[in-house]
C-alpha atoms as a PDB file:
ATOM      1  CA  MET A   1       2.732  39.987  24.129  1.00  0.00           C
ATOM      2  CA  ASP A   2       0.936  36.852  24.831  1.00  0.00           C
ATOM      3  CA  GLU A   3       1.803  33.117  24.185  1.00  0.00           C
ATOM      4  CA  ASN A   4      -1.485  32.617  22.201  1.00  0.00           C
ATOM      5  CA  VAL A   5      -1.335  36.108  20.456  1.00  0.00           C
ATOM      6  CA  GLU A   6      -1.076  35.710  16.644  1.00  0.00           C
ATOM      7  CA  ASP A   7       1.911  37.919  15.655  1.00  0.00           C
ATOM      8  CA  ASN A   8       2.400  39.353  12.183  1.00  0.00           C
ATOM      9  CA  GLY A   9       4.900  41.591  12.833  1.00  0.00           C
ATOM     10  CA  VAL A  10       5.540  44.026  10.049  1.00  0.00           C
ATOM     11  CA  GLN A  11       9.090  44.781   9.934  1.00  0.00           C
ATOM     12  CA  ASP A  12      10.422  47.964   8.309  1.00  0.00           C
ATOM     13  CA  ASP A  13      13.697  48.153   6.601  1.00  0.00           C
ATOM     14  CA  TYR A  14      15.109  49.425   9.814  1.00  0.00           C
ATOM     15  CA  MET A  15      15.237  46.046  11.546  1.00  0.00           C
ATOM     16  CA  ASP A  16      15.195  42.461  11.103  1.00  0.00           C
ATOM     17  CA  SER A  17      12.795  39.963  12.862  1.00  0.00           C
ATOM     18  CA  ASP A  18      15.361  38.094  14.625  1.00  0.00           C
ATOM     19  CA  GLU A  19      15.153  37.858  18.604  1.00  0.00           C
ATOM     20  CA  ASP A  20      18.495  38.998  18.581  1.00  0.00           C
ATOM     21  CA  ASN A  21      17.594  41.939  17.266  1.00  0.00           C
ATOM     22  CA  GLU A  22      14.432  42.485  19.529  1.00  0.00           C
ATOM     23  CA  VAL A  23      17.319  43.558  22.250  1.00  0.00           C
ATOM     24  CA  SER A  24      18.991  45.678  19.976  1.00  0.00           C
ATOM     25  CA  ALA A  25      15.797  47.068  18.701  1.00  0.00           C
ATOM     26  CA  SER A  26      14.970  48.105  22.537  1.00  0.00           C
ATOM     27  CA  LYS A  27      18.385  49.909  22.598  1.00  0.00           C
ATOM     28  CA  GLU A  28      18.252  51.453  19.325  1.00  0.00           C
ATOM     29  CA  LEU A  29      14.656  52.442  19.243  1.00  0.00           C
ATOM     30  CA  PRO A  30      13.877  53.559  22.822  1.00  0.00           C
ATOM     31  CA  ALA A  31      10.673  55.655  22.353  1.00  0.00           C
ATOM     32  CA  VAL A  32       7.999  52.980  22.327  1.00  0.00           C
ATOM     33  CA  ALA A  33       4.005  53.393  22.244  1.00  0.00           C
ATOM     34  CA  LYS A  34       1.740  50.178  22.636  1.00  0.00           C
ATOM     35  CA  PHE A  35      -1.853  50.218  21.786  1.00  0.00           C
ATOM     36  CA  GLU A  36      -4.902  47.575  22.102  1.00  0.00           C
ATOM     37  CA  VAL A  37      -7.433  48.404  19.573  1.00  0.00           C
ATOM     38  CA  PRO A  38     -10.954  46.502  20.336  1.00  0.00           C
ATOM     39  CA  PHE A  39     -13.173  45.590  17.317  1.00  0.00           C
ATOM     40  CA  ASN A  40     -16.554  44.073  17.055  1.00  0.00           C
ATOM     41  CA  SER A  41     -15.171  40.796  15.651  1.00  0.00           C
ATOM     42  CA  SER A  42     -12.016  38.841  15.183  1.00  0.00           C
ATOM     43  CA  ARG A  43     -12.496  39.259  11.518  1.00  0.00           C
ATOM     44  CA  GLU A  44     -12.935  42.839  11.833  1.00  0.00           C
ATOM     45  CA  ALA A  45      -9.516  43.009  13.657  1.00  0.00           C
ATOM     46  CA  GLU A  46      -7.654  41.008  11.281  1.00  0.00           C
ATOM     47  CA  ILE A  47      -9.166  43.144   8.273  1.00  0.00           C
ATOM     48  CA  ALA A  48      -7.805  46.162  10.065  1.00  0.00           C
ATOM     49  CA  ARG A  49      -4.453  44.569  10.470  1.00  0.00           C
ATOM     50  CA  ASN A  50      -3.995  43.485   6.818  1.00  0.00           C
ATOM     51  CA  SER A  51      -4.919  46.942   5.906  1.00  0.00           C
ATOM     52  CA  LEU A  52      -2.603  48.648   8.238  1.00  0.00           C
ATOM     53  CA  GLN A  53       0.449  46.467   7.861  1.00  0.00           C
ATOM     54  CA  VAL A  54       0.541  46.853   4.068  1.00  0.00           C
ATOM     55  CA  ASP A  55       2.737  50.093   4.037  1.00  0.00           C
ATOM     56  CA  PRO A  56       6.225  49.806   5.692  1.00  0.00           C
ATOM     57  CA  GLU A  57       7.438  53.060   7.456  1.00  0.00           C
ATOM     58  CA  PRO A  58       9.892  54.863   5.049  1.00  0.00           C
ATOM     59  CA  ARG A  59      13.652  54.114   5.851  1.00  0.00           C
ATOM     60  CA  ARG A  60      14.057  57.813   6.596  1.00  0.00           C
ATOM     61  CA  GLY A  61      11.395  57.454   9.350  1.00  0.00           C
ATOM     62  CA  GLY A  62      13.362  55.361  11.679  1.00  0.00           C
ATOM     63  CA  SER A  63      10.367  53.715  13.070  1.00  0.00           C
ATOM     64  CA  LYS A  64       9.191  50.060  13.237  1.00  0.00           C
ATOM     65  CA  LYS A  65       5.588  48.763  13.895  1.00  0.00           C
ATOM     66  CA  THR A  66       4.419  45.405  14.961  1.00  0.00           C
ATOM     67  CA  PHE A  67       0.942  44.085  14.754  1.00  0.00           C
ATOM     68  CA  ALA A  68      -0.342  41.072  16.480  1.00  0.00           C
ATOM     69  CA  LEU A  69      -4.026  39.640  17.008  1.00  0.00           C
ATOM     70  CA  LYS A  70      -5.593  38.501  20.362  1.00  0.00           C
ATOM     71  CA  ASP A  71      -9.011  37.659  19.346  1.00  0.00           C
ATOM     72  CA  ASN A  72     -11.011  40.757  18.489  1.00  0.00           C
ATOM     73  CA  ILE A  73      -7.902  42.983  19.784  1.00  0.00           C
ATOM     74  CA  LEU A  74      -5.362  44.580  17.435  1.00  0.00           C
ATOM     75  CA  CYS A  75      -2.305  45.050  19.534  1.00  0.00           C
ATOM     76  CA  VAL A  76       0.090  47.547  17.901  1.00  0.00           C
ATOM     77  CA  GLU A  77       3.655  48.533  18.995  1.00  0.00           C
ATOM     78  CA  ILE A  78       5.486  51.444  17.268  1.00  0.00           C
ATOM     79  CA  ARG A  79       8.951  52.195  18.196  1.00  0.00           C
ATOM     80  CA  SER A  80      11.113  54.969  17.169  1.00  0.00           C
ATOM     81  CA  VAL A  81      14.603  56.612  17.875  1.00  0.00           C
ATOM     82  CA  ASP A  82      13.315  59.494  19.895  1.00  0.00           C
ATOM     83  CA  VAL A  83       9.816  60.845  21.044  1.00  0.00           C
ATOM     84  CA  ARG A  84       9.626  63.522  18.296  1.00  0.00           C
ATOM     85  CA  GLN A  85       9.563  60.770  15.359  1.00  0.00           C
ATOM     86  CA  LEU A  86       7.216  58.411  17.750  1.00  0.00           C
ATOM     87  CA  ARG A  87       4.796  61.651  18.030  1.00  0.00           C
ATOM     88  CA  SER A  88       4.866  61.602  14.156  1.00  0.00           C
ATOM     89  CA  ALA A  89       4.599  57.958  13.471  1.00  0.00           C
ATOM     90  CA  VAL A  90       1.815  57.411  16.014  1.00  0.00           C
ATOM     91  CA  CYS A  91      -0.184  60.537  14.431  1.00  0.00           C
ATOM     92  CA  SER A  92       0.087  59.033  10.935  1.00  0.00           C
ATOM     93  CA  PHE A  93      -1.097  55.327  12.472  1.00  0.00           C
ATOM     94  CA  MET A  94      -3.792  57.005  14.040  1.00  0.00           C
ATOM     95  CA  ASP A  95      -5.051  58.741  10.983  1.00  0.00           C
ATOM     96  CA  LEU A  96      -5.102  55.444   9.130  1.00  0.00           C
ATOM     97  CA  LEU A  97      -6.740  53.575  11.856  1.00  0.00           C
ATOM     98  CA  ASN A  98      -9.550  56.184  11.684  1.00  0.00           C
ATOM     99  CA  LEU A  99      -9.678  55.815   8.020  1.00  0.00           C
ATOM    100  CA  VAL A 100      -9.959  51.839   8.410  1.00  0.00           C
ATOM    101  CA  THR A 101     -12.288  51.960  11.314  1.00  0.00           C
ATOM    102  CA  LYS A 102     -14.587  54.259   9.169  1.00  0.00           C
ATOM    103  CA  THR A 103     -14.223  52.073   6.203  1.00  0.00           C
ATOM    104  CA  ILE A 104     -15.291  48.982   8.144  1.00  0.00           C
ATOM    105  CA  ASP A 105     -18.352  50.870   9.847  1.00  0.00           C
ATOM    106  CA  GLN A 106     -19.172  52.257   6.194  1.00  0.00           C
ATOM    107  CA  PHE A 107     -19.531  48.593   4.631  1.00  0.00           C
ATOM    108  CA  GLY A 108     -20.710  46.838   7.414  1.00  0.00           C
ATOM    109  CA  PRO A 109     -19.837  43.906   9.210  1.00  0.00           C
ATOM    110  CA  PRO A 110     -17.232  41.236   7.017  1.00  0.00           C
ATOM    111  CA  VAL A 111     -19.426  38.143   5.557  1.00  0.00           C
ATOM    112  CA  GLN A 112     -17.757  34.976   4.948  1.00  0.00           C
ATOM    113  CA  GLN A 113     -17.172  34.368   1.294  1.00  0.00           C
ATOM    114  CA  SER A 114     -18.887  31.176   0.049  1.00  0.00           C
ATOM    115  CA  LYS A 115     -17.172  28.808  -2.511  1.00  0.00           C
ATOM    116  CA  LYS A 116     -19.165  28.743  -5.708  1.00  0.00           C
ATOM    117  CA  MET A 117     -19.315  25.219  -7.647  1.00  0.00           C
ATOM    118  CA  CYS A 118     -19.756  25.118 -11.010  1.00  0.00           C
ATOM    119  CA  VAL A 119     -22.099  22.204 -12.068  1.00  0.00           C
END
């Protein structure tokens, strides 16, 4: 992904985050799906990323999700050992993404929290 991308990769138990493991991840997890999900603001994209990266894939799933932010776009990469597991991981991710976007829409645009001062 780009140099100016804020990368907050969530590493499941399957792989570590070292660069050496990036090469082995592509060999061990050859099935890949990449998404770019646009949001109305960079804050909404950040909220979605924070909501979606909380739960790592179960170890038995054999999948790895990586998240990055590019302004108001959430970049997602899902890797799996085979296409069947990739399909399952993508379907689960899409269900969660749908829930997150509906929740953001329901509560409206995020507001900045103001600091309260005691007098």
